[in-house]
Amino acid sequence: ARLERHIGGVRSGSSGIVWQLGATGERLLRTMHGE
């Protein structure tokens, strides 16, 4: 999932998009790691 805030503002383009795990990604890795 991407955050609403970009690093460097809109001029940074796609390079400034900040990402984190989404809900499905979190569940997948949690299951894979036995957490």
Full PDB file with SEQRES, HELIX, SHEET, SSBOND, CRYST1, ORIGX, SCALE, CONECT and MASTER records, all heavy atoms in Angstrom:
SEQRES   1 A   35  ALA ARG LEU GLU ARG HIS ILE GLY GLY VAL ARG SER GLY          
SEQRES   2 A   35  SER SER GLY ILE VAL TRP GLN LEU GLY ALA THR GLY GLU          
SEQRES   3 A   35  ARG LEU LEU ARG THR MET HIS GLY GLU                          
HELIX    1 AA1 VAL A   10  GLY A   16  5                                   7    
HELIX    2 AA2 ALA A   23  MET A   32  1                                  10    
CRYST1    1.000    1.000    1.000  90.00  90.00  90.00 P 1           1          
ORIGX1      1.000000  0.000000  0.000000        0.00000                         
ORIGX2      0.000000  1.000000  0.000000        0.00000                         
ORIGX3      0.000000  0.000000  1.000000        0.00000                         
SCALE1      1.000000  0.000000  0.000000        0.00000                         
SCALE2      0.000000  1.000000  0.000000        0.00000                         
SCALE3      0.000000  0.000000  1.000000        0.00000                         
ATOM      1  N   ALA A   1       0.858  -1.188   0.000  1.00  0.00           N  
ATOM      2  CA  ALA A   1       0.000   0.000   0.000  1.00  0.00           C  
ATOM      3  C   ALA A   1       0.889   1.230   0.000  1.00  0.00           C  
ATOM      4  O   ALA A   1       1.966   1.240   0.599  1.00  0.00           O  
ATOM      5  CB  ALA A   1      -0.916   0.003   1.221  1.00  0.00           C  
ATOM      6  N   ARG A   2       0.438   2.277  -0.674  1.00  0.00           N  
ATOM      7  CA  ARG A   2       1.213   3.516  -0.721  1.00  0.00           C  
ATOM      8  C   ARG A   2       0.664   4.509   0.292  1.00  0.00           C  
ATOM      9  O   ARG A   2      -0.544   4.548   0.568  1.00  0.00           O  
ATOM     10  CB  ARG A   2       1.195   4.111  -2.131  1.00  0.00           C  
ATOM     11  CG  ARG A   2      -0.138   4.598  -2.617  1.00  0.00           C  
ATOM     12  CD  ARG A   2      -0.041   5.158  -4.030  1.00  0.00           C  
ATOM     13  NE  ARG A   2       0.007   4.090  -5.032  1.00  0.00           N  
ATOM     14  CZ  ARG A   2       0.308   4.279  -6.306  1.00  0.00           C  
ATOM     15  NH1 ARG A   2       0.629   5.500  -6.728  1.00  0.00           N  
ATOM     16  NH2 ARG A   2       0.320   3.277  -7.160  1.00  0.00           N  
ATOM     17  N   LEU A   3       1.564   5.320   0.851  1.00  0.00           N  
ATOM     18  CA  LEU A   3       1.140   6.365   1.765  1.00  0.00           C  
ATOM     19  C   LEU A   3       0.592   7.546   0.968  1.00  0.00           C  
ATOM     20  O   LEU A   3       0.893   7.726  -0.217  1.00  0.00           O  
ATOM     21  CB  LEU A   3       2.314   6.844   2.630  1.00  0.00           C  
ATOM     22  CG  LEU A   3       3.055   5.805   3.474  1.00  0.00           C  
ATOM     23  CD1 LEU A   3       4.001   6.512   4.447  1.00  0.00           C  
ATOM     24  CD2 LEU A   3       2.110   4.899   4.236  1.00  0.00           C  
ATOM     25  N   GLU A   4      -0.193   8.366   1.633  1.00  0.00           N  
ATOM     26  CA  GLU A   4      -0.731   9.554   0.985  1.00  0.00           C  
ATOM     27  C   GLU A   4       0.366  10.582   0.729  1.00  0.00           C  
ATOM     28  O   GLU A   4       0.347  11.294  -0.270  1.00  0.00           O  
ATOM     29  CB  GLU A   4      -1.828  10.169   1.851  1.00  0.00           C  
ATOM     30  CG  GLU A   4      -3.072   9.284   1.991  1.00  0.00           C  
ATOM     31  CD  GLU A   4      -4.143   9.947   2.831  1.00  0.00           C  
ATOM     32  OE1 GLU A   4      -3.939  11.124   3.232  1.00  0.00           O  
ATOM     33  OE2 GLU A   4      -5.178   9.304   3.086  1.00  0.00           O  
ATOM     34  N   ARG A   5       1.324  10.656   1.649  1.00  0.00           N  
ATOM     35  CA  ARG A   5       2.386  11.651   1.545  1.00  0.00           C  
ATOM     36  C   ARG A   5       3.519  11.154   0.658  1.00  0.00           C  
ATOM     37  O   ARG A   5       4.002  10.032   0.827  1.00  0.00           O  
ATOM     38  CB  ARG A   5       2.928  11.992   2.941  1.00  0.00           C  
ATOM     39  CG  ARG A   5       4.043  13.037   2.964  1.00  0.00           C  
ATOM     40  CD  ARG A   5       4.577  13.186   4.379  1.00  0.00           C  
ATOM     41  NE  ARG A   5       3.523  13.656   5.274  1.00  0.00           N  
ATOM     42  CZ  ARG A   5       3.266  14.952   5.500  1.00  0.00           C  
ATOM     43  NH1 ARG A   5       3.979  15.880   4.883  1.00  0.00           N  
ATOM     44  NH2 ARG A   5       2.313  15.307   6.331  1.00  0.00           N  
ATOM     45  N   HIS A   6       3.955  11.986  -0.272  1.00  0.00           N  
ATOM     46  CA  HIS A   6       5.119  11.689  -1.100  1.00  0.00           C  
ATOM     47  C   HIS A   6       6.350  12.351  -0.503  1.00  0.00           C  
ATOM     48  O   HIS A   6       6.267  13.404   0.112  1.00  0.00           O  
ATOM     49  CB  HIS A   6       4.928  12.224  -2.520  1.00  0.00           C  
ATOM     50  CG  HIS A   6       4.013  11.387  -3.349  1.00  0.00           C  
ATOM     51  ND1 HIS A   6       4.159  11.247  -4.711  1.00  0.00           N  
ATOM     52  CD2 HIS A   6       2.934  10.634  -3.023  1.00  0.00           C  
ATOM     53  CE1 HIS A   6       3.210  10.451  -5.179  1.00  0.00           C  
ATOM     54  NE2 HIS A   6       2.449  10.078  -4.172  1.00  0.00           N  
ATOM     55  N   ILE A   7       7.495  11.727  -0.704  1.00  0.00           N  
ATOM     56  CA  ILE A   7       8.756  12.344  -0.327  1.00  0.00           C  
ATOM     57  C   ILE A   7       9.232  13.201  -1.496  1.00  0.00           C  
ATOM     58  O   ILE A   7       9.360  12.725  -2.625  1.00  0.00           O  
ATOM     59  CB  ILE A   7       9.818  11.279   0.013  1.00  0.00           C  
ATOM     60  CG1 ILE A   7       9.339  10.436   1.193  1.00  0.00           C  
ATOM     61  CG2 ILE A   7      11.159  11.925   0.323  1.00  0.00           C  
ATOM     62  CD1 ILE A   7       9.065  11.210   2.461  1.00  0.00           C  
ATOM     63  N   GLY A   8       9.493  14.474  -1.221  1.00  0.00           N  
ATOM     64  CA  GLY A   8       9.917  15.367  -2.289  1.00  0.00           C  
ATOM     65  C   GLY A   8       8.771  16.019  -3.016  1.00  0.00           C  
ATOM     66  O   GLY A   8       8.989  16.723  -4.006  1.00  0.00           O  
ATOM     67  N   GLY A   9       7.534  15.793  -2.566  1.00  0.00           N  
ATOM     68  CA  GLY A   9       6.386  16.417  -3.199  1.00  0.00           C  
ATOM     69  C   GLY A   9       6.036  15.783  -4.529  1.00  0.00           C  
ATOM     70  O   GLY A   9       6.608  14.771  -4.944  1.00  0.00           O  
ATOM     71  N   VAL A  10       5.107  16.386  -5.217  1.00  0.00           N  
ATOM     72  CA  VAL A  10       4.623  15.810  -6.476  1.00  0.00           C  
ATOM     73  C   VAL A  10       5.701  15.810  -7.550  1.00  0.00           C  
ATOM     74  O   VAL A  10       5.665  15.018  -8.490  1.00  0.00           O  
ATOM     75  CB  VAL A  10       3.374  16.565  -6.968  1.00  0.00           C  
ATOM     76  CG1 VAL A  10       2.220  16.368  -6.006  1.00  0.00           C  
ATOM     77  CG2 VAL A  10       3.671  18.066  -7.130  1.00  0.00           C  
ATOM     78  N   ARG A  11       6.668  16.729  -7.443  1.00  0.00           N  
ATOM     79  CA  ARG A  11       7.720  16.795  -8.447  1.00  0.00           C  
ATOM     80  C   ARG A  11       8.636  15.573  -8.425  1.00  0.00           C  
ATOM     81  O   ARG A  11       9.360  15.318  -9.377  1.00  0.00           O  
ATOM     82  CB  ARG A  11       8.556  18.066  -8.251  1.00  0.00           C  
ATOM     83  CG  ARG A  11       7.795  19.361  -8.547  1.00  0.00           C  
ATOM     84  CD  ARG A  11       8.711  20.563  -8.415  1.00  0.00           C  
ATOM     85  NE  ARG A  11       8.002  21.805  -8.723  1.00  0.00           N  
ATOM     86  CZ  ARG A  11       8.573  23.002  -8.681  1.00  0.00           C  
ATOM     87  NH1 ARG A  11       9.858  23.109  -8.349  1.00  0.00           N  
ATOM     88  NH2 ARG A  11       7.862  24.082  -8.971  1.00  0.00           N  
ATOM     89  N   SER A  12       8.613  14.848  -7.314  1.00  0.00           N  
ATOM     90  CA  SER A  12       9.481  13.664  -7.213  1.00  0.00           C  
ATOM     91  C   SER A  12       8.965  12.518  -8.079  1.00  0.00           C  
ATOM     92  O   SER A  12       9.689  11.549  -8.330  1.00  0.00           O  
ATOM     93  CB  SER A  12       9.574  13.200  -5.755  1.00  0.00           C  
ATOM     94  OG  SER A  12       8.303  12.763  -5.284  1.00  0.00           O  
ATOM     95  N   GLY A  13       7.709  12.615  -8.528  1.00  0.00           N  
ATOM     96  CA  GLY A  13       7.148  11.568  -9.358  1.00  0.00           C  
ATOM     97  C   GLY A  13       7.000  10.263  -8.598  1.00  0.00           C  
ATOM     98  O   GLY A  13       6.834  10.242  -7.372  1.00  0.00           O  
ATOM     99  N   SER A  14       7.087   9.159  -9.328  1.00  0.00           N  
ATOM    100  CA  SER A  14       6.899   7.847  -8.696  1.00  0.00           C  
ATOM    101  C   SER A  14       8.023   7.504  -7.727  1.00  0.00           C  
ATOM    102  O   SER A  14       7.823   6.716  -6.799  1.00  0.00           O  
ATOM    103  CB  SER A  14       6.799   6.763  -9.777  1.00  0.00           C  
ATOM    104  OG  SER A  14       8.003   6.691 -10.528  1.00  0.00           O  
ATOM    105  N   SER A  15       9.225   8.093  -7.899  1.00  0.00           N  
ATOM    106  CA  SER A  15      10.351   7.776  -7.012  1.00  0.00           C  
ATOM    107  C   SER A  15      10.071   8.174  -5.574  1.00  0.00           C  
ATOM    108  O   SER A  15      10.624   7.587  -4.643  1.00  0.00           O  
ATOM    109  CB  SER A  15      11.621   8.470  -7.502  1.00  0.00           C  
ATOM    110  OG  SER A  15      12.026   7.954  -8.745  1.00  0.00           O  
ATOM    111  N   GLY A  16       9.210   9.196  -5.371  1.00  0.00           N  
ATOM    112  CA  GLY A  16       8.927   9.672  -4.026  1.00  0.00           C  
ATOM    113  C   GLY A  16       7.747   9.003  -3.360  1.00  0.00           C  
ATOM    114  O   GLY A  16       7.428   9.332  -2.207  1.00  0.00           O  
ATOM    115  N   ILE A  17       7.101   8.053  -4.024  1.00  0.00           N  
ATOM    116  CA  ILE A  17       5.997   7.331  -3.391  1.00  0.00           C  
ATOM    117  C   ILE A  17       6.556   6.458  -2.267  1.00  0.00           C  
ATOM    118  O   ILE A  17       7.569   5.784  -2.436  1.00  0.00           O  
ATOM    119  CB  ILE A  17       5.251   6.456  -4.409  1.00  0.00           C  
ATOM    120  CG1 ILE A  17       4.639   7.325  -5.508  1.00  0.00           C  
ATOM    121  CG2 ILE A  17       4.161   5.629  -3.724  1.00  0.00           C  
ATOM    122  CD1 ILE A  17       4.015   6.529  -6.637  1.00  0.00           C  
ATOM    123  N   VAL A  18       5.899   6.486  -1.117  1.00  0.00           N  
ATOM    124  CA  VAL A  18       6.324   5.688   0.038  1.00  0.00           C  
ATOM    125  C   VAL A  18       5.394   4.493   0.168  1.00  0.00           C  
ATOM    126  O   VAL A  18       4.166   4.638   0.147  1.00  0.00           O  
ATOM    127  CB  VAL A  18       6.309   6.526   1.333  1.00  0.00           C  
ATOM    128  CG1 VAL A  18       6.808   5.686   2.510  1.00  0.00           C  
ATOM    129  CG2 VAL A  18       7.156   7.781   1.164  1.00  0.00           C  
ATOM    130  N   TRP A  19       5.980   3.321   0.332  1.00  0.00           N  
ATOM    131  CA  TRP A  19       5.224   2.071   0.367  1.00  0.00           C  
ATOM    132  C   TRP A  19       5.371   1.388   1.718  1.00  0.00           C  
ATOM    133  O   TRP A  19       6.402   1.502   2.384  1.00  0.00           O  
ATOM    134  CB  TRP A  19       5.724   1.129  -0.731  1.00  0.00           C  
ATOM    135  CG  TRP A  19       5.596   1.665  -2.114  1.00  0.00           C  
ATOM    136  CD1 TRP A  19       6.501   2.441  -2.783  1.00  0.00           C  
ATOM    137  CD2 TRP A  19       4.475   1.500  -3.002  1.00  0.00           C  
ATOM    138  NE1 TRP A  19       6.027   2.767  -4.030  1.00  0.00           N  
ATOM    139  CE2 TRP A  19       4.788   2.194  -4.198  1.00  0.00           C  
ATOM    140  CE3 TRP A  19       3.264   0.826  -2.916  1.00  0.00           C  
ATOM    141  CZ2 TRP A  19       3.923   2.237  -5.284  1.00  0.00           C  
ATOM    142  CZ3 TRP A  19       2.396   0.864  -3.998  1.00  0.00           C  
ATOM    143  CH2 TRP A  19       2.727   1.563  -5.162  1.00  0.00           C  
ATOM    144  N   GLN A  20       4.347   0.643   2.085  1.00  0.00           N  
ATOM    145  CA  GLN A  20       4.389  -0.252   3.230  1.00  0.00           C  
ATOM    146  C   GLN A  20       3.611  -1.512   2.871  1.00  0.00           C  
ATOM    147  O   GLN A  20       2.969  -1.579   1.821  1.00  0.00           O  
ATOM    148  CB  GLN A  20       3.799   0.409   4.469  1.00  0.00           C  
ATOM    149  CG  GLN A  20       2.331   0.778   4.352  1.00  0.00           C  
ATOM    150  CD  GLN A  20       1.800   1.493   5.586  1.00  0.00           C  
ATOM    151  OE1 GLN A  20       2.528   1.719   6.546  1.00  0.00           O  
ATOM    152  NE2 GLN A  20       0.523   1.848   5.566  1.00  0.00           N  
ATOM    153  N   LEU A  21       3.686  -2.502   3.726  1.00  0.00           N  
ATOM    154  CA  LEU A  21       2.920  -3.721   3.477  1.00  0.00           C  
ATOM    155  C   LEU A  21       1.425  -3.434   3.521  1.00  0.00           C  
ATOM    156  O   LEU A  21       0.950  -2.681   4.366  1.00  0.00           O  
ATOM    157  CB  LEU A  21       3.259  -4.788   4.512  1.00  0.00           C  
ATOM    158  CG  LEU A  21       4.566  -5.562   4.338  1.00  0.00           C  
ATOM    159  CD1 LEU A  21       4.743  -6.537   5.486  1.00  0.00           C  
ATOM    160  CD2 LEU A  21       4.609  -6.295   3.001  1.00  0.00           C  
ATOM    161  N   GLY A  22       0.685  -4.054   2.609  1.00  0.00           N  
ATOM    162  CA  GLY A  22      -0.762  -3.998   2.672  1.00  0.00           C  
ATOM    163  C   GLY A  22      -1.285  -5.091   3.590  1.00  0.00           C  
ATOM    164  O   GLY A  22      -0.522  -5.933   4.097  1.00  0.00           O  
ATOM    165  N   ALA A  23      -2.593  -5.112   3.799  1.00  0.00           N  
ATOM    166  CA  ALA A  23      -3.189  -6.076   4.727  1.00  0.00           C  
ATOM    167  C   ALA A  23      -2.924  -7.509   4.290  1.00  0.00           C  
ATOM    168  O   ALA A  23      -2.571  -8.377   5.106  1.00  0.00           O  
ATOM    169  CB  ALA A  23      -4.687  -5.827   4.838  1.00  0.00           C  
ATOM    170  N   THR A  24      -3.061  -7.790   3.004  1.00  0.00           N  
ATOM    171  CA  THR A  24      -2.825  -9.152   2.515  1.00  0.00           C  
ATOM    172  C   THR A  24      -1.348  -9.516   2.609  1.00  0.00           C  
ATOM    173  O   THR A  24      -1.001 -10.643   2.970  1.00  0.00           O  
ATOM    174  CB  THR A  24      -3.309  -9.288   1.063  1.00  0.00           C  
ATOM    175  OG1 THR A  24      -4.691  -8.937   0.991  1.00  0.00           O  
ATOM    176  CG2 THR A  24      -3.127 -10.712   0.556  1.00  0.00           C  
ATOM    177  N   GLY A  25      -0.482  -8.566   2.297  1.00  0.00           N  
ATOM    178  CA  GLY A  25       0.953  -8.823   2.405  1.00  0.00           C  
ATOM    179  C   GLY A  25       1.376  -9.099   3.827  1.00  0.00           C  
ATOM    180  O   GLY A  25       2.207  -9.986   4.084  1.00  0.00           O  
ATOM    181  N   GLU A  26       0.799  -8.359   4.771  1.00  0.00           N  
ATOM    182  CA  GLU A  26       1.114  -8.585   6.180  1.00  0.00           C  
ATOM    183  C   GLU A  26       0.680  -9.971   6.622  1.00  0.00           C  
ATOM    184  O   GLU A  26       1.422 -10.694   7.290  1.00  0.00           O  
ATOM    185  CB  GLU A  26       0.438  -7.504   7.032  1.00  0.00           C  
ATOM    186  CG  GLU A  26       0.839  -7.509   8.500  1.00  0.00           C  
ATOM    187  CD  GLU A  26       0.064  -8.497   9.350  1.00  0.00           C  
ATOM    188  OE1 GLU A  26      -1.094  -8.848   8.956  1.00  0.00           O  
ATOM    189  OE2 GLU A  26       0.585  -8.930  10.388  1.00  0.00           O  
ATOM    190  N   ARG A  27      -0.527 -10.381   6.221  1.00  0.00           N  
ATOM    191  CA  ARG A  27      -1.018 -11.717   6.604  1.00  0.00           C  
ATOM    192  C   ARG A  27      -0.177 -12.808   5.969  1.00  0.00           C  
ATOM    193  O   ARG A  27       0.130 -13.826   6.596  1.00  0.00           O  
ATOM    194  CB  ARG A  27      -2.485 -11.874   6.196  1.00  0.00           C  
ATOM    195  CG  ARG A  27      -3.458 -11.066   7.026  1.00  0.00           C  
ATOM    196  CD  ARG A  27      -4.881 -11.580   6.851  1.00  0.00           C  
ATOM    197  NE  ARG A  27      -5.335 -11.467   5.466  1.00  0.00           N  
ATOM    198  CZ  ARG A  27      -5.929 -10.395   4.962  1.00  0.00           C  
ATOM    199  NH1 ARG A  27      -6.115  -9.320   5.703  1.00  0.00           N  
ATOM    200  NH2 ARG A  27      -6.342 -10.381   3.693  1.00  0.00           N  
ATOM    201  N   LEU A  28       0.213 -12.609   4.714  1.00  0.00           N  
ATOM    202  CA  LEU A  28       1.023 -13.611   4.024  1.00  0.00           C  
ATOM    203  C   LEU A  28       2.349 -13.822   4.736  1.00  0.00           C  
ATOM    204  O   LEU A  28       2.728 -14.965   5.049  1.00  0.00           O  
ATOM    205  CB  LEU A  28       1.273 -13.172   2.580  1.00  0.00           C  
ATOM    206  CG  LEU A  28       2.251 -14.041   1.772  1.00  0.00           C  
ATOM    207  CD1 LEU A  28       1.684 -15.442   1.569  1.00  0.00           C  
ATOM    208  CD2 LEU A  28       2.588 -13.390   0.432  1.00  0.00           C  
ATOM    209  N   LEU A  29       3.075 -12.746   5.019  1.00  0.00           N  
ATOM    210  CA  LEU A  29       4.383 -12.890   5.647  1.00  0.00           C  
ATOM    211  C   LEU A  29       4.267 -13.367   7.089  1.00  0.00           C  
ATOM    212  O   LEU A  29       5.112 -14.122   7.567  1.00  0.00           O  
ATOM    213  CB  LEU A  29       5.144 -11.563   5.591  1.00  0.00           C  
ATOM    214  CG  LEU A  29       5.532 -11.077   4.189  1.00  0.00           C  
ATOM    215  CD1 LEU A  29       6.420  -9.847   4.286  1.00  0.00           C  
ATOM    216  CD2 LEU A  29       6.246 -12.168   3.406  1.00  0.00           C  
ATOM    217  N   ARG A  30       3.207 -12.928   7.764  1.00  0.00           N  
ATOM    218  CA  ARG A  30       3.015 -13.397   9.147  1.00  0.00           C  
ATOM    219  C   ARG A  30       2.803 -14.902   9.160  1.00  0.00           C  
ATOM    220  O   ARG A  30       3.352 -15.607  10.024  1.00  0.00           O  
ATOM    221  CB  ARG A  30       1.817 -12.669   9.769  1.00  0.00           C  
ATOM    222  CG  ARG A  30       1.467 -13.130  11.170  1.00  0.00           C  
ATOM    223  CD  ARG A  30       0.680 -12.072  11.925  1.00  0.00           C  
ATOM    224  NE  ARG A  30      -0.346 -11.436  11.119  1.00  0.00           N  
ATOM    225  CZ  ARG A  30      -1.616 -11.854  11.051  1.00  0.00           C  
ATOM    226  NH1 ARG A  30      -1.989 -12.946  11.706  1.00  0.00           N  
ATOM    227  NH2 ARG A  30      -2.503 -11.198  10.321  1.00  0.00           N  
ATOM    228  N   THR A  31       2.054 -15.413   8.218  1.00  0.00           N  
ATOM    229  CA  THR A  31       1.825 -16.856   8.134  1.00  0.00           C  
ATOM    230  C   THR A  31       3.102 -17.581   7.741  1.00  0.00           C  
ATOM    231  O   THR A  31       3.442 -18.620   8.309  1.00  0.00           O  
ATOM    232  CB  THR A  31       0.716 -17.168   7.121  1.00  0.00           C  
ATOM    233  OG1 THR A  31      -0.464 -16.446   7.461  1.00  0.00           O  
ATOM    234  CG2 THR A  31       0.404 -18.655   7.099  1.00  0.00           C  
ATOM    235  N   MET A  32       3.833 -17.027   6.769  1.00  0.00           N  
ATOM    236  CA  MET A  32       5.081 -17.645   6.326  1.00  0.00           C  
ATOM    237  C   MET A  32       6.107 -17.740   7.449  1.00  0.00           C  
ATOM    238  O   MET A  32       6.845 -18.716   7.558  1.00  0.00           O  
ATOM    239  CB  MET A  32       5.673 -16.854   5.157  1.00  0.00           C  
ATOM    240  CG  MET A  32       4.911 -16.987   3.847  1.00  0.00           C  
ATOM    241  SD  MET A  32       5.570 -15.892   2.570  1.00  0.00           S  
ATOM    242  CE  MET A  32       7.280 -16.477   2.474  1.00  0.00           C  
ATOM    243  N   HIS A  33       6.142 -16.716   8.319  1.00  0.00           N  
ATOM    244  CA  HIS A  33       7.125 -16.676   9.402  1.00  0.00           C  
ATOM    245  C   HIS A  33       6.602 -17.300  10.697  1.00  0.00           C  
ATOM    246  O   HIS A  33       7.318 -17.323  11.708  1.00  0.00           O  
ATOM    247  CB  HIS A  33       7.556 -15.234   9.674  1.00  0.00           C  
ATOM    248  CG  HIS A  33       8.416 -14.647   8.584  1.00  0.00           C  
ATOM    249  ND1 HIS A  33       9.786 -14.841   8.538  1.00  0.00           N  
ATOM    250  CD2 HIS A  33       8.101 -13.903   7.499  1.00  0.00           C  
ATOM    251  CE1 HIS A  33      10.270 -14.219   7.473  1.00  0.00           C  
ATOM    252  NE2 HIS A  33       9.280 -13.652   6.826  1.00  0.00           N  
ATOM    253  N   GLY A  34       5.380 -17.799  10.672  1.00  0.00           N  
ATOM    254  CA  GLY A  34       4.829 -18.451  11.859  1.00  0.00           C  
ATOM    255  C   GLY A  34       4.557 -17.506  13.001  1.00  0.00           C  
ATOM    256  O   GLY A  34       4.609 -17.899  14.170  1.00  0.00           O  
ATOM    257  N   GLU A  35       4.249 -16.254  12.695  1.00  0.00           N  
ATOM    258  CA  GLU A  35       3.983 -15.267  13.732  1.00  0.00           C  
ATOM    259  C   GLU A  35       2.487 -15.206  14.021  1.00  0.00           C  
ATOM    260  O   GLU A  35       1.664 -15.369  13.130  1.00  0.00           O  
ATOM    261  CB  GLU A  35       4.481 -13.889  13.293  1.00  0.00           C  
ATOM    262  CG  GLU A  35       5.993 -13.826  13.081  1.00  0.00           C  
ATOM    263  CD  GLU A  35       6.431 -12.480  12.549  1.00  0.00           C  
ATOM    264  OE1 GLU A  35       5.554 -11.682  12.137  1.00  0.00           O  
ATOM    265  OE2 GLU A  35       7.647 -12.216  12.540  1.00  0.00           O  
TER     266      GLU A  35                                                      
MASTER        0    0    0    2    0    0    0    6  265    1    0    3          
END                                                                             
